[in-house]
Every structure is written in C-alpha cells, then in structure tokens.
PDB file of all heavy atoms in Angstrom:
ATOM      1  N   LEU A   1       9.423  39.860  84.842  1.00  0.00           N
ATOM      2  CA  LEU A   1       9.218  38.472  84.412  1.00  0.00           C
ATOM      3  C   LEU A   1      10.509  37.661  84.519  1.00  0.00           C
ATOM      4  O   LEU A   1      11.600  38.234  84.451  1.00  0.00           O
ATOM      5  CB  LEU A   1       8.700  38.444  82.967  1.00  0.00           C
ATOM      6  CG  LEU A   1       7.354  39.142  82.730  1.00  0.00           C
ATOM      7  CD1 LEU A   1       7.033  39.174  81.249  1.00  0.00           C
ATOM      8  CD2 LEU A   1       6.241  38.440  83.509  1.00  0.00           C
ATOM      9  N   PRO A   2      10.423  36.341  84.666  1.00  0.00           N
ATOM     10  CA  PRO A   2      11.637  35.527  84.749  1.00  0.00           C
ATOM     11  C   PRO A   2      12.376  35.504  83.402  1.00  0.00           C
ATOM     12  O   PRO A   2      11.800  35.121  82.381  1.00  0.00           O
ATOM     13  CB  PRO A   2      11.101  34.130  85.104  1.00  0.00           C
ATOM     14  CG  PRO A   2       9.695  34.333  85.565  1.00  0.00           C
ATOM     15  CD  PRO A   2       9.190  35.539  84.853  1.00  0.00           C
ATOM     16  N   VAL A   3      13.624  35.878  83.420  1.00  0.00           N
ATOM     17  CA  VAL A   3      14.426  35.875  82.198  1.00  0.00           C
ATOM     18  C   VAL A   3      14.582  34.441  81.671  1.00  0.00           C
ATOM     19  O   VAL A   3      14.586  34.207  80.467  1.00  0.00           O
ATOM     20  CB  VAL A   3      15.800  36.528  82.451  1.00  0.00           C
ATOM     21  CG1 VAL A   3      16.677  36.474  81.191  1.00  0.00           C
ATOM     22  CG2 VAL A   3      15.626  37.977  82.902  1.00  0.00           C
ATOM     23  N   ILE A   4      14.675  33.490  82.585  1.00  0.00           N
ATOM     24  CA  ILE A   4      14.881  32.099  82.175  1.00  0.00           C
ATOM     25  C   ILE A   4      13.704  31.579  81.343  1.00  0.00           C
ATOM     26  O   ILE A   4      13.880  30.742  80.445  1.00  0.00           O
ATOM     27  CB  ILE A   4      15.110  31.180  83.410  1.00  0.00           C
ATOM     28  CG1 ILE A   4      15.589  29.787  82.974  1.00  0.00           C
ATOM     29  CG2 ILE A   4      13.864  31.095  84.266  1.00  0.00           C
ATOM     30  CD1 ILE A   4      16.932  29.768  82.324  1.00  0.00           C
ATOM     31  N   ARG A   5      12.493  32.088  81.594  1.00  0.00           N
ATOM     32  CA  ARG A   5      11.331  31.655  80.819  1.00  0.00           C
ATOM     33  C   ARG A   5      11.419  32.163  79.385  1.00  0.00           C
ATOM     34  O   ARG A   5      10.925  31.513  78.456  1.00  0.00           O
ATOM     35  CB  ARG A   5      10.034  32.150  81.480  1.00  0.00           C
ATOM     36  CG  ARG A   5       9.808  31.619  82.884  1.00  0.00           C
ATOM     37  CD  ARG A   5       9.421  30.145  82.887  1.00  0.00           C
ATOM     38  NE  ARG A   5       8.158  29.921  82.219  1.00  0.00           N
ATOM     39  CZ  ARG A   5       6.956  30.070  82.762  1.00  0.00           C
ATOM     40  NH1 ARG A   5       6.866  30.477  84.044  1.00  0.00           N
ATOM     41  NH2 ARG A   5       5.860  29.807  82.095  1.00  0.00           N
ATOM     42  N   CYS A   6      12.041  33.307  79.191  1.00  0.00           N
ATOM     43  CA  CYS A   6      12.291  33.806  77.837  1.00  0.00           C
ATOM     44  C   CYS A   6      13.400  32.975  77.183  1.00  0.00           C
ATOM     45  O   CYS A   6      13.324  32.618  76.003  1.00  0.00           O
ATOM     46  CB  CYS A   6      12.704  35.280  77.863  1.00  0.00           C
ATOM     47  SG  CYS A   6      11.436  36.407  78.464  1.00  0.00           S
ATOM     48  N   ALA A   7      14.442  32.669  77.985  1.00  0.00           N
ATOM     49  CA  ALA A   7      15.597  31.938  77.459  1.00  0.00           C
ATOM     50  C   ALA A   7      15.209  30.545  76.985  1.00  0.00           C
ATOM     51  O   ALA A   7      15.669  30.077  75.931  1.00  0.00           O
ATOM     52  CB  ALA A   7      16.693  31.854  78.515  1.00  0.00           C
ATOM     53  N   THR A   8      14.355  29.869  77.742  1.00  0.00           N
ATOM     54  CA  THR A   8      14.006  28.492  77.393  1.00  0.00           C
ATOM     55  C   THR A   8      13.005  28.417  76.237  1.00  0.00           C
ATOM     56  O   THR A   8      12.673  27.326  75.777  1.00  0.00           O
ATOM     57  CB  THR A   8      13.449  27.745  78.614  1.00  0.00           C
ATOM     58  OG1 THR A   8      12.377  28.516  79.189  1.00  0.00           O
ATOM     59  CG2 THR A   8      14.528  27.522  79.653  1.00  0.00           C
ATOM     60  N   ALA A   9      12.534  29.560  75.781  1.00  0.00           N
ATOM     61  CA  ALA A   9      11.706  29.576  74.573  1.00  0.00           C
ATOM     62  C   ALA A   9      12.585  29.458  73.328  1.00  0.00           C
ATOM     63  O   ALA A   9      12.081  29.333  72.217  1.00  0.00           O
ATOM     64  CB  ALA A   9      10.874  30.852  74.516  1.00  0.00           C
ATOM     65  N   THR A  10      13.906  29.501  73.529  1.00  0.00           N
ATOM     66  CA  THR A  10      14.860  29.403  72.426  1.00  0.00           C
ATOM     67  C   THR A  10      15.634  28.088  72.537  1.00  0.00           C
ATOM     68  O   THR A  10      15.580  27.405  73.563  1.00  0.00           O
ATOM     69  CB  THR A  10      15.871  30.562  72.452  1.00  0.00           C
ATOM     70  OG1 THR A  10      16.831  30.328  73.504  1.00  0.00           O
ATOM     71  CG2 THR A  10      15.194  31.897  72.689  1.00  0.00           C
ATOM     72  N   GLY A  11      16.393  27.791  71.510  1.00  0.00           N
ATOM     73  CA  GLY A  11      17.302  26.646  71.556  1.00  0.00           C
ATOM     74  C   GLY A  11      18.693  27.052  71.944  1.00  0.00           C
ATOM     75  O   GLY A  11      19.635  26.261  71.885  1.00  0.00           O
ATOM     76  N   ARG A  12      18.841  28.324  72.371  1.00  0.00           N
ATOM     77  CA  ARG A  12      20.162  28.852  72.757  1.00  0.00           C
ATOM     78  C   ARG A  12      20.067  29.644  74.071  1.00  0.00           C
ATOM     79  O   ARG A  12      20.420  30.827  74.123  1.00  0.00           O
ATOM     80  CB  ARG A  12      20.692  29.748  71.646  1.00  0.00           C
ATOM     81  CG  ARG A  12      19.735  30.871  71.267  1.00  0.00           C
ATOM     82  CD  ARG A  12      20.355  31.861  70.306  1.00  0.00           C
ATOM     83  NE  ARG A  12      19.913  31.617  68.935  1.00  0.00           N
ATOM     84  CZ  ARG A  12      20.350  32.320  67.899  1.00  0.00           C
ATOM     85  NH1 ARG A  12      21.209  33.287  68.063  1.00  0.00           N
ATOM     86  NH2 ARG A  12      19.913  32.050  66.680  1.00  0.00           N
ATOM     87  N   PRO A  13      19.600  29.048  75.155  1.00  0.00           N
ATOM     88  CA  PRO A  13      19.426  29.790  76.409  1.00  0.00           C
ATOM     89  C   PRO A  13      20.720  30.396  76.946  1.00  0.00           C
ATOM     90  O   PRO A  13      20.665  31.371  77.702  1.00  0.00           O
ATOM     91  CB  PRO A  13      18.852  28.741  77.368  1.00  0.00           C
ATOM     92  CG  PRO A  13      19.259  27.421  76.776  1.00  0.00           C
ATOM     93  CD  PRO A  13      19.237  27.630  75.302  1.00  0.00           C
ATOM     94  N   ARG A  14      21.879  29.857  76.542  1.00  0.00           N
ATOM     95  CA  ARG A  14      23.156  30.423  77.006  1.00  0.00           C
ATOM     96  C   ARG A  14      23.381  31.829  76.452  1.00  0.00           C
ATOM     97  O   ARG A  14      24.147  32.609  77.010  1.00  0.00           O
ATOM     98  CB  ARG A  14      24.316  29.529  76.567  1.00  0.00           C
ATOM     99  CG  ARG A  14      24.437  28.231  77.350  1.00  0.00           C
ATOM    100  CD  ARG A  14      25.485  27.309  76.757  1.00  0.00           C
ATOM    101  NE  ARG A  14      26.785  27.961  76.631  1.00  0.00           N
ATOM    102  CZ  ARG A  14      27.663  28.123  77.620  1.00  0.00           C
ATOM    103  NH1 ARG A  14      27.368  27.660  78.828  1.00  0.00           N
ATOM    104  NH2 ARG A  14      28.818  28.705  77.412  1.00  0.00           N
ATOM    105  N   ASP A  15      22.683  32.159  75.346  1.00  0.00           N
ATOM    106  CA  ASP A  15      22.874  33.465  74.701  1.00  0.00           C
ATOM    107  C   ASP A  15      21.871  34.515  75.180  1.00  0.00           C
ATOM    108  O   ASP A  15      21.880  35.645  74.691  1.00  0.00           O
ATOM    109  CB  ASP A  15      22.742  33.333  73.174  1.00  0.00           C
ATOM    110  CG  ASP A  15      23.861  32.495  72.560  1.00  0.00           C
ATOM    111  OD1 ASP A  15      24.908  32.362  73.213  1.00  0.00           O
ATOM    112  OD2 ASP A  15      23.666  31.969  71.450  1.00  0.00           O
ATOM    113  N   VAL A  16      21.016  34.158  76.132  1.00  0.00           N
ATOM    114  CA  VAL A  16      19.948  35.063  76.573  1.00  0.00           C
ATOM    115  C   VAL A  16      20.299  35.669  77.931  1.00  0.00           C
ATOM    116  O   VAL A  16      20.749  34.975  78.846  1.00  0.00           O
ATOM    117  CB  VAL A  16      18.599  34.321  76.646  1.00  0.00           C
ATOM    118  CG1 VAL A  16      17.497  35.268  77.139  1.00  0.00           C
ATOM    119  CG2 VAL A  16      18.237  33.752  75.276  1.00  0.00           C
ATOM    120  N   VAL A  17      20.053  36.975  78.047  1.00  0.00           N
ATOM    121  CA  VAL A  17      20.401  37.719  79.257  1.00  0.00           C
ATOM    122  C   VAL A  17      19.370  38.820  79.461  1.00  0.00           C
ATOM    123  O   VAL A  17      18.663  39.208  78.522  1.00  0.00           O
ATOM    124  CB  VAL A  17      21.833  38.324  79.111  1.00  0.00           C
ATOM    125  CG1 VAL A  17      21.861  39.413  78.050  1.00  0.00           C
ATOM    126  CG2 VAL A  17      22.370  38.827  80.442  1.00  0.00           C
ATOM    127  N   GLY A  18      19.248  39.307  80.687  1.00  0.00           N
ATOM    128  CA  GLY A  18      18.370  40.439  80.964  1.00  0.00           C
ATOM    129  C   GLY A  18      19.146  41.742  80.948  1.00  0.00           C
ATOM    130  O   GLY A  18      20.274  41.807  81.462  1.00  0.00           O
ATOM    131  N   MET A  19      18.576  42.768  80.329  1.00  0.00           N
ATOM    132  CA  MET A  19      19.140  44.128  80.361  1.00  0.00           C
ATOM    133  C   MET A  19      18.001  45.065  80.749  1.00  0.00           C
ATOM    134  O   MET A  19      17.254  45.533  79.895  1.00  0.00           O
ATOM    135  CB  MET A  19      19.718  44.538  79.006  1.00  0.00           C
ATOM    136  CG  MET A  19      21.029  43.906  78.647  1.00  0.00           C
ATOM    137  SD  MET A  19      21.714  44.611  77.093  1.00  0.00           S
ATOM    138  CE  MET A  19      22.346  46.198  77.668  1.00  0.00           C
ATOM    139  N   HIS A  20      17.847  45.291  82.047  1.00  0.00           N
ATOM    140  CA  HIS A  20      16.735  46.101  82.529  1.00  0.00           C
ATOM    141  C   HIS A  20      17.147  47.568  82.579  1.00  0.00           C
ATOM    142  O   HIS A  20      17.803  48.024  83.510  1.00  0.00           O
ATOM    143  CB  HIS A  20      16.285  45.627  83.915  1.00  0.00           C
ATOM    144  CG  HIS A  20      15.149  46.429  84.475  1.00  0.00           C
ATOM    145  ND1 HIS A  20      14.977  46.632  85.821  1.00  0.00           N
ATOM    146  CD2 HIS A  20      14.131  47.096  83.855  1.00  0.00           C
ATOM    147  CE1 HIS A  20      13.918  47.388  86.012  1.00  0.00           C
ATOM    148  NE2 HIS A  20      13.387  47.676  84.840  1.00  0.00           N
ATOM    149  N   PHE A  21      16.761  48.318  81.534  1.00  0.00           N
ATOM    150  CA  PHE A  21      16.964  49.764  81.514  1.00  0.00           C
ATOM    151  C   PHE A  21      15.882  50.427  82.358  1.00  0.00           C
ATOM    152  O   PHE A  21      14.801  49.873  82.573  1.00  0.00           O
ATOM    153  CB  PHE A  21      16.866  50.296  80.078  1.00  0.00           C
ATOM    154  CG  PHE A  21      18.061  49.996  79.212  1.00  0.00           C
ATOM    155  CD1 PHE A  21      18.235  48.730  78.662  1.00  0.00           C
ATOM    156  CD2 PHE A  21      19.002  50.979  78.931  1.00  0.00           C
ATOM    157  CE1 PHE A  21      19.323  48.441  77.852  1.00  0.00           C
ATOM    158  CE2 PHE A  21      20.092  50.698  78.118  1.00  0.00           C
ATOM    159  CZ  PHE A  21      20.264  49.439  77.573  1.00  0.00           C
ATOM    160  N   PHE A  22      16.161  51.632  82.816  1.00  0.00           N
ATOM    161  CA  PHE A  22      15.184  52.388  83.596  1.00  0.00           C
ATOM    162  C   PHE A  22      14.678  53.560  82.755  1.00  0.00           C
ATOM    163  O   PHE A  22      15.391  54.075  81.905  1.00  0.00           O
ATOM    164  CB  PHE A  22      15.807  52.863  84.917  1.00  0.00           C
ATOM    165  CG  PHE A  22      15.965  51.734  85.897  1.00  0.00           C
ATOM    166  CD1 PHE A  22      16.932  50.748  85.702  1.00  0.00           C
ATOM    167  CD2 PHE A  22      15.128  51.616  86.992  1.00  0.00           C
ATOM    168  CE1 PHE A  22      17.066  49.684  86.573  1.00  0.00           C
ATOM    169  CE2 PHE A  22      15.257  50.556  87.876  1.00  0.00           C
ATOM    170  CZ  PHE A  22      16.216  49.589  87.669  1.00  0.00           C
ATOM    171  N   ASN A  23      13.462  53.955  83.018  1.00  0.00           N
ATOM    172  CA  ASN A  23      12.785  54.955  82.191  1.00  0.00           C
ATOM    173  C   ASN A  23      12.945  56.368  82.758  1.00  0.00           C
ATOM    174  O   ASN A  23      12.754  56.543  83.956  1.00  0.00           O
ATOM    175  CB  ASN A  23      11.291  54.591  82.120  1.00  0.00           C
ATOM    176  CG  ASN A  23      10.612  55.153  80.906  1.00  0.00           C
ATOM    177  OD1 ASN A  23      11.241  55.524  79.930  1.00  0.00           O
ATOM    178  ND2 ASN A  23       9.306  55.247  80.968  1.00  0.00           N
ATOM    179  N   PRO A  24      13.324  57.349  81.909  1.00  0.00           N
ATOM    180  CA  PRO A  24      13.605  57.282  80.471  1.00  0.00           C
ATOM    181  C   PRO A  24      15.035  56.783  80.214  1.00  0.00           C
ATOM    182  O   PRO A  24      15.985  57.274  80.845  1.00  0.00           O
ATOM    183  CB  PRO A  24      13.434  58.733  80.008  1.00  0.00           C
ATOM    184  CG  PRO A  24      13.735  59.550  81.227  1.00  0.00           C
ATOM    185  CD  PRO A  24      13.307  58.737  82.411  1.00  0.00           C
TER     186      PRO A  24
END
C-alpha cells in the first residue's frame, strides 16, 4: 500500500515512514 496514504491520515506526515519487514 502507499505509505503516503497512511501519512496523510495524520497531521504529522513528516513523522511517518515505511518499515517493510520480511516474514518471519
């Protein structure tokens, strides 16, 4: 999913980042 769409759901998009871990 677009990380920016998660970020703009907040009032602090500068503090939002993606951390894609791999399983396990």
